[in-house]
């Protein structure tokens, strides 16, 4: 009778090592993708915060100078307007102040690649000129600072944000 000798495997086989390396590489790729998404979200948050900070400051200035809402709107929407430097001048008008504050906000937002427009809010279209609520729209990326039907517009004509838009709308009055 011949004896069959059983031998037990010792050590790690090449297949087990390859499977372990494959699992590790999939985990590293997943972690890298997660980190990229986190970086994108952080960048979006930073731009949104910068836009809100400047636009809220502008809205506060508008609240302090409510009779010049039209001057603010014109200075924000018309890029060809030049402002009078009235620093140190005692006869600076409220309209000149509005234009200067508007252009300063536009310039600050342009430093962050953010575009800005000011429109009458859709819900306030039938209200008297003095008490109209204005919407200050700041947009970045592929989004346009408009309320309309274009796919790149920030919001629909009724003022609701479009899905996927990168913008903020602040009401000012």
C-alpha atoms as a PDB file:
ATOM      1  CA  UNK A   1       0.000   0.000   0.000  1.00  0.00           C
ATOM      2  CA  UNK A   2       1.391   3.295  -1.008  1.00  0.00           C
ATOM      3  CA  UNK A   3       1.120   6.189   1.327  1.00  0.00           C
ATOM      4  CA  UNK A   4      -0.211   9.468   0.087  1.00  0.00           C
ATOM      5  CA  UNK A   5       1.450  12.276   1.762  1.00  0.00           C
ATOM      6  CA  UNK A   6      -0.581  15.474   2.235  1.00  0.00           C
ATOM      7  CA  UNK A   7       1.271  18.730   2.066  1.00  0.00           C
ATOM      8  CA  UNK A   8      -0.081  21.985   3.345  1.00  0.00           C
ATOM      9  CA  UNK A   9       0.514  25.261   1.582  1.00  0.00           C
ATOM     10  CA  UNK A  10       2.797  27.688   3.331  1.00  0.00           C
ATOM     11  CA  UNK A  11       3.088  31.433   2.702  1.00  0.00           C
ATOM     12  CA  UNK A  12       1.006  33.582   0.411  1.00  0.00           C
ATOM     13  CA  UNK A  13       0.271  32.728  -3.169  1.00  0.00           C
ATOM     14  CA  UNK A  14       0.638  35.142  -6.044  1.00  0.00           C
ATOM     15  CA  UNK A  15      -3.124  35.186  -6.704  1.00  0.00           C
ATOM     16  CA  UNK A  16      -3.872  36.358  -3.177  1.00  0.00           C
ATOM     17  CA  UNK A  17      -1.331  39.161  -3.503  1.00  0.00           C
ATOM     18  CA  UNK A  18      -2.829  40.300  -6.821  1.00  0.00           C
ATOM     19  CA  UNK A  19      -6.358  40.337  -5.359  1.00  0.00           C
ATOM     20  CA  UNK A  20      -5.167  42.370  -2.369  1.00  0.00           C
ATOM     21  CA  UNK A  21      -3.385  44.896  -4.615  1.00  0.00           C
ATOM     22  CA  UNK A  22      -6.489  45.186  -6.817  1.00  0.00           C
ATOM     23  CA  UNK A  23      -8.735  45.858  -3.820  1.00  0.00           C
ATOM     24  CA  UNK A  24      -6.295  48.412  -2.452  1.00  0.00           C
ATOM     25  CA  UNK A  25      -6.077  50.234  -5.798  1.00  0.00           C
ATOM     26  CA  UNK A  26      -9.888  50.414  -6.075  1.00  0.00           C
ATOM     27  CA  UNK A  27     -10.059  51.842  -2.551  1.00  0.00           C
ATOM     28  CA  UNK A  28      -7.385  54.462  -3.330  1.00  0.00           C
ATOM     29  CA  UNK A  29      -9.198  55.501  -6.532  1.00  0.00           C
ATOM     30  CA  UNK A  30     -12.471  55.835  -4.622  1.00  0.00           C
ATOM     31  CA  UNK A  31     -10.810  57.946  -1.953  1.00  0.00           C
ATOM     32  CA  UNK A  32      -9.211  60.167  -4.613  1.00  0.00           C
ATOM     33  CA  UNK A  33     -12.575  60.720  -6.302  1.00  0.00           C
ATOM     34  CA  UNK A  34     -14.093  61.611  -2.937  1.00  0.00           C
ATOM     35  CA  UNK A  35     -11.322  64.152  -2.305  1.00  0.00           C
ATOM     36  CA  UNK A  36     -11.887  65.758  -5.722  1.00  0.00           C
ATOM     37  CA  UNK A  37     -15.598  66.152  -4.972  1.00  0.00           C
ATOM     38  CA  UNK A  38     -14.763  67.718  -1.601  1.00  0.00           C
ATOM     39  CA  UNK A  39     -12.404  70.207  -3.263  1.00  0.00           C
ATOM     40  CA  UNK A  40     -15.100  71.166  -5.805  1.00  0.00           C
ATOM     41  CA  UNK A  41     -17.655  71.675  -3.032  1.00  0.00           C
ATOM     42  CA  UNK A  42     -15.212  73.794  -1.033  1.00  0.00           C
ATOM     43  CA  UNK A  43     -14.426  75.972  -4.054  1.00  0.00           C
ATOM     44  CA  UNK A  44     -18.140  76.447  -4.776  1.00  0.00           C
ATOM     45  CA  UNK A  45     -18.728  77.406  -1.156  1.00  0.00           C
ATOM     46  CA  UNK A  46     -15.891  79.940  -1.235  1.00  0.00           C
ATOM     47  CA  UNK A  47     -17.155  81.648  -4.399  1.00  0.00           C
ATOM     48  CA  UNK A  48     -20.724  81.700  -3.046  1.00  0.00           C
ATOM     49  CA  UNK A  49     -19.513  83.286   0.205  1.00  0.00           C
ATOM     50  CA  UNK A  50     -17.509  85.933  -1.664  1.00  0.00           C
ATOM     51  CA  UNK A  51     -20.497  86.781  -3.864  1.00  0.00           C
ATOM     52  CA  UNK A  52     -22.896  86.977  -0.921  1.00  0.00           C
ATOM     53  CA  UNK A  53     -20.524  89.146   1.080  1.00  0.00           C
ATOM     54  CA  UNK A  54     -20.140  91.760  -1.657  1.00  0.00           C
ATOM     55  CA  UNK A  55     -23.800  91.699  -2.733  1.00  0.00           C
ATOM     56  CA  UNK A  56     -25.100  91.997   0.836  1.00  0.00           C
ATOM     57  CA  UNK A  57     -22.805  94.967   1.411  1.00  0.00           C
ATOM     58  CA  UNK A  58     -24.174  96.565  -1.743  1.00  0.00           C
ATOM     59  CA  UNK A  59     -27.744  95.886  -0.580  1.00  0.00           C
ATOM     60  CA  UNK A  60     -26.977  97.628   2.729  1.00  0.00           C
ATOM     61  CA  UNK A  61     -25.641 100.645   0.830  1.00  0.00           C
ATOM     62  CA  UNK A  62     -28.818 100.676  -1.254  1.00  0.00           C
ATOM     63  CA  UNK A  63     -30.917 100.560   1.891  1.00  0.00           C
ATOM     64  CA  UNK A  64     -29.061 103.616   3.179  1.00  0.00           C
ATOM     65  CA  UNK A  65     -29.642 105.490  -0.104  1.00  0.00           C
ATOM     66  CA  UNK A  66     -33.137 104.288  -1.183  1.00  0.00           C
ATOM     67  CA  UNK A  67     -33.992 107.209  -3.448  1.00  0.00           C
ATOM     68  CA  UNK A  68     -31.178 106.248  -5.835  1.00  0.00           C
ATOM     69  CA  UNK A  69     -32.154 102.643  -6.666  1.00  0.00           C
ATOM     70  CA  UNK A  70     -32.272 103.620 -10.327  1.00  0.00           C
ATOM     71  CA  UNK A  71     -28.723 104.993 -10.156  1.00  0.00           C
ATOM     72  CA  UNK A  72     -27.515 101.765  -8.549  1.00  0.00           C
ATOM     73  CA  UNK A  73     -29.239  99.706 -11.242  1.00  0.00           C
ATOM     74  CA  UNK A  74     -27.835 101.813 -14.080  1.00  0.00           C
ATOM     75  CA  UNK A  75     -24.292 101.747 -12.709  1.00  0.00           C
ATOM     76  CA  UNK A  76     -24.378  97.975 -12.178  1.00  0.00           C
ATOM     77  CA  UNK A  77     -25.911  97.053 -15.536  1.00  0.00           C
ATOM     78  CA  UNK A  78     -24.129  99.570 -17.784  1.00  0.00           C
ATOM     79  CA  UNK A  79     -20.418  98.812 -18.025  1.00  0.00           C
ATOM     80  CA  UNK A  80     -19.670 101.963 -20.028  1.00  0.00           C
ATOM     81  CA  UNK A  81     -20.588 104.360 -17.220  1.00  0.00           C
ATOM     82  CA  UNK A  82     -17.665 106.124 -15.585  1.00  0.00           C
ATOM     83  CA  UNK A  83     -17.961 107.344 -12.027  1.00  0.00           C
ATOM     84  CA  UNK A  84     -16.979 110.691 -10.593  1.00  0.00           C
ATOM     85  CA  UNK A  85     -14.329 110.468  -7.907  1.00  0.00           C
ATOM     86  CA  UNK A  86     -16.009 112.363  -5.114  1.00  0.00           C
ATOM     87  CA  UNK A  87     -13.662 111.399  -2.286  1.00  0.00           C
ATOM     88  CA  UNK A  88     -12.863 114.503  -0.277  1.00  0.00           C
ATOM     89  CA  UNK A  89     -15.408 116.592  -2.170  1.00  0.00           C
ATOM     90  CA  UNK A  90     -18.134 118.122  -0.033  1.00  0.00           C
ATOM     91  CA  UNK A  91     -20.648 118.431  -2.882  1.00  0.00           C
ATOM     92  CA  UNK A  92     -20.906 114.750  -3.819  1.00  0.00           C
ATOM     93  CA  UNK A  93     -24.511 113.917  -4.742  1.00  0.00           C
ATOM     94  CA  UNK A  94     -26.446 110.839  -3.651  1.00  0.00           C
ATOM     95  CA  UNK A  95     -26.504 109.689  -7.280  1.00  0.00           C
ATOM     96  CA  UNK A  96     -22.698 109.923  -7.516  1.00  0.00           C
ATOM     97  CA  UNK A  97     -22.357 107.966  -4.274  1.00  0.00           C
ATOM     98  CA  UNK A  98     -24.686 105.278  -5.638  1.00  0.00           C
ATOM     99  CA  UNK A  99     -22.690 105.006  -8.867  1.00  0.00           C
ATOM    100  CA  UNK A 100     -19.369 104.825  -7.006  1.00  0.00           C
ATOM    101  CA  UNK A 101     -20.608 102.136  -4.578  1.00  0.00           C
ATOM    102  CA  UNK A 102     -22.069 100.121  -7.452  1.00  0.00           C
ATOM    103  CA  UNK A 103     -18.906 100.237  -9.533  1.00  0.00           C
ATOM    104  CA  UNK A 104     -16.803  99.288  -6.480  1.00  0.00           C
ATOM    105  CA  UNK A 105     -18.980  96.198  -5.948  1.00  0.00           C
ATOM    106  CA  UNK A 106     -18.802  95.270  -9.645  1.00  0.00           C
ATOM    107  CA  UNK A 107     -15.011  95.630  -9.612  1.00  0.00           C
ATOM    108  CA  UNK A 108     -14.658  93.505  -6.464  1.00  0.00           C
ATOM    109  CA  UNK A 109     -16.822  90.746  -7.928  1.00  0.00           C
ATOM    110  CA  UNK A 110     -14.867  90.814 -11.197  1.00  0.00           C
ATOM    111  CA  UNK A 111     -11.725  90.017  -9.179  1.00  0.00           C
ATOM    112  CA  UNK A 112     -13.423  86.707  -8.289  1.00  0.00           C
ATOM    113  CA  UNK A 113     -14.722  86.129 -11.869  1.00  0.00           C
ATOM    114  CA  UNK A 114     -18.277  86.815 -10.730  1.00  0.00           C
ATOM    115  CA  UNK A 115     -20.706  88.709 -12.961  1.00  0.00           C
ATOM    116  CA  UNK A 116     -23.487  90.905 -11.536  1.00  0.00           C
ATOM    117  CA  UNK A 117     -26.776  92.372 -12.769  1.00  0.00           C
ATOM    118  CA  UNK A 118     -29.630  94.186 -11.072  1.00  0.00           C
ATOM    119  CA  UNK A 119     -33.245  93.736 -12.130  1.00  0.00           C
ATOM    120  CA  UNK A 120     -36.679  94.448 -10.740  1.00  0.00           C
ATOM    121  CA  UNK A 121     -37.792  91.316  -8.888  1.00  0.00           C
ATOM    122  CA  UNK A 122     -40.618  89.459 -10.669  1.00  0.00           C
ATOM    123  CA  UNK A 123     -43.000  89.754  -7.723  1.00  0.00           C
ATOM    124  CA  UNK A 124     -42.447  93.532  -7.532  1.00  0.00           C
ATOM    125  CA  UNK A 125     -43.071  94.497 -11.158  1.00  0.00           C
ATOM    126  CA  UNK A 126     -46.445  96.137 -10.455  1.00  0.00           C
ATOM    127  CA  UNK A 127     -45.356  98.109  -7.389  1.00  0.00           C
ATOM    128  CA  UNK A 128     -44.599 101.837  -7.444  1.00  0.00           C
ATOM    129  CA  UNK A 129     -41.051 102.874  -8.397  1.00  0.00           C
ATOM    130  CA  UNK A 130     -40.149 104.005  -4.871  1.00  0.00           C
ATOM    131  CA  UNK A 131     -41.058 100.750  -3.154  1.00  0.00           C
ATOM    132  CA  UNK A 132     -39.933  98.312  -5.846  1.00  0.00           C
ATOM    133  CA  UNK A 133     -37.827  95.407  -4.712  1.00  0.00           C
ATOM    134  CA  UNK A 134     -34.700  94.936  -6.795  1.00  0.00           C
ATOM    135  CA  UNK A 135     -32.950  91.608  -7.312  1.00  0.00           C
ATOM    136  CA  UNK A 136     -29.160  91.743  -7.353  1.00  0.00           C
ATOM    137  CA  UNK A 137     -27.953  88.643  -9.218  1.00  0.00           C
ATOM    138  CA  UNK A 138     -24.363  87.447  -8.934  1.00  0.00           C
ATOM    139  CA  UNK A 139     -23.345  84.501 -11.145  1.00  0.00           C
ATOM    140  CA  UNK A 140     -20.131  82.622 -11.876  1.00  0.00           C
ATOM    141  CA  UNK A 141     -18.990  79.731 -14.013  1.00  0.00           C
ATOM    142  CA  UNK A 142     -21.247  79.132 -17.020  1.00  0.00           C
ATOM    143  CA  UNK A 143     -24.281  80.764 -15.391  1.00  0.00           C
ATOM    144  CA  UNK A 144     -25.446  84.188 -16.589  1.00  0.00           C
ATOM    145  CA  UNK A 145     -26.768  86.789 -14.103  1.00  0.00           C
ATOM    146  CA  UNK A 146     -30.194  86.849 -15.737  1.00  0.00           C
ATOM    147  CA  UNK A 147     -33.764  85.739 -15.064  1.00  0.00           C
ATOM    148  CA  UNK A 148     -35.050  84.184 -18.245  1.00  0.00           C
ATOM    149  CA  UNK A 149     -35.608  81.098 -20.337  1.00  0.00           C
ATOM    150  CA  UNK A 150     -32.035  80.428 -21.466  1.00  0.00           C
ATOM    151  CA  UNK A 151     -30.407  77.298 -20.063  1.00  0.00           C
ATOM    152  CA  UNK A 152     -27.499  79.388 -18.736  1.00  0.00           C
ATOM    153  CA  UNK A 153     -29.698  81.912 -16.887  1.00  0.00           C
ATOM    154  CA  UNK A 154     -29.508  81.977 -13.099  1.00  0.00           C
ATOM    155  CA  UNK A 155     -33.257  81.846 -12.566  1.00  0.00           C
ATOM    156  CA  UNK A 156     -36.535  81.440 -14.405  1.00  0.00           C
ATOM    157  CA  UNK A 157     -38.651  84.495 -15.233  1.00  0.00           C
ATOM    158  CA  UNK A 158     -40.616  83.960 -12.010  1.00  0.00           C
ATOM    159  CA  UNK A 159     -37.420  84.238  -9.938  1.00  0.00           C
ATOM    160  CA  UNK A 160     -36.945  80.573  -9.026  1.00  0.00           C
ATOM    161  CA  UNK A 161     -33.398  79.247  -9.266  1.00  0.00           C
ATOM    162  CA  UNK A 162     -32.615  76.936 -12.168  1.00  0.00           C
ATOM    163  CA  UNK A 163     -31.255  73.522 -11.327  1.00  0.00           C
ATOM    164  CA  UNK A 164     -27.476  73.421 -11.621  1.00  0.00           C
ATOM    165  CA  UNK A 165     -27.048  77.194 -11.733  1.00  0.00           C
ATOM    166  CA  UNK A 166     -24.122  78.763  -9.884  1.00  0.00           C
ATOM    167  CA  UNK A 167     -25.449  82.077  -8.635  1.00  0.00           C
ATOM    168  CA  UNK A 168     -27.055  83.967  -5.776  1.00  0.00           C
ATOM    169  CA  UNK A 169     -29.963  86.396  -5.818  1.00  0.00           C
ATOM    170  CA  UNK A 170     -30.285  89.002  -3.081  1.00  0.00           C
ATOM    171  CA  UNK A 171     -33.327  91.228  -2.750  1.00  0.00           C
ATOM    172  CA  UNK A 172     -32.587  94.900  -2.171  1.00  0.00           C
ATOM    173  CA  UNK A 173     -35.029  97.700  -1.481  1.00  0.00           C
END
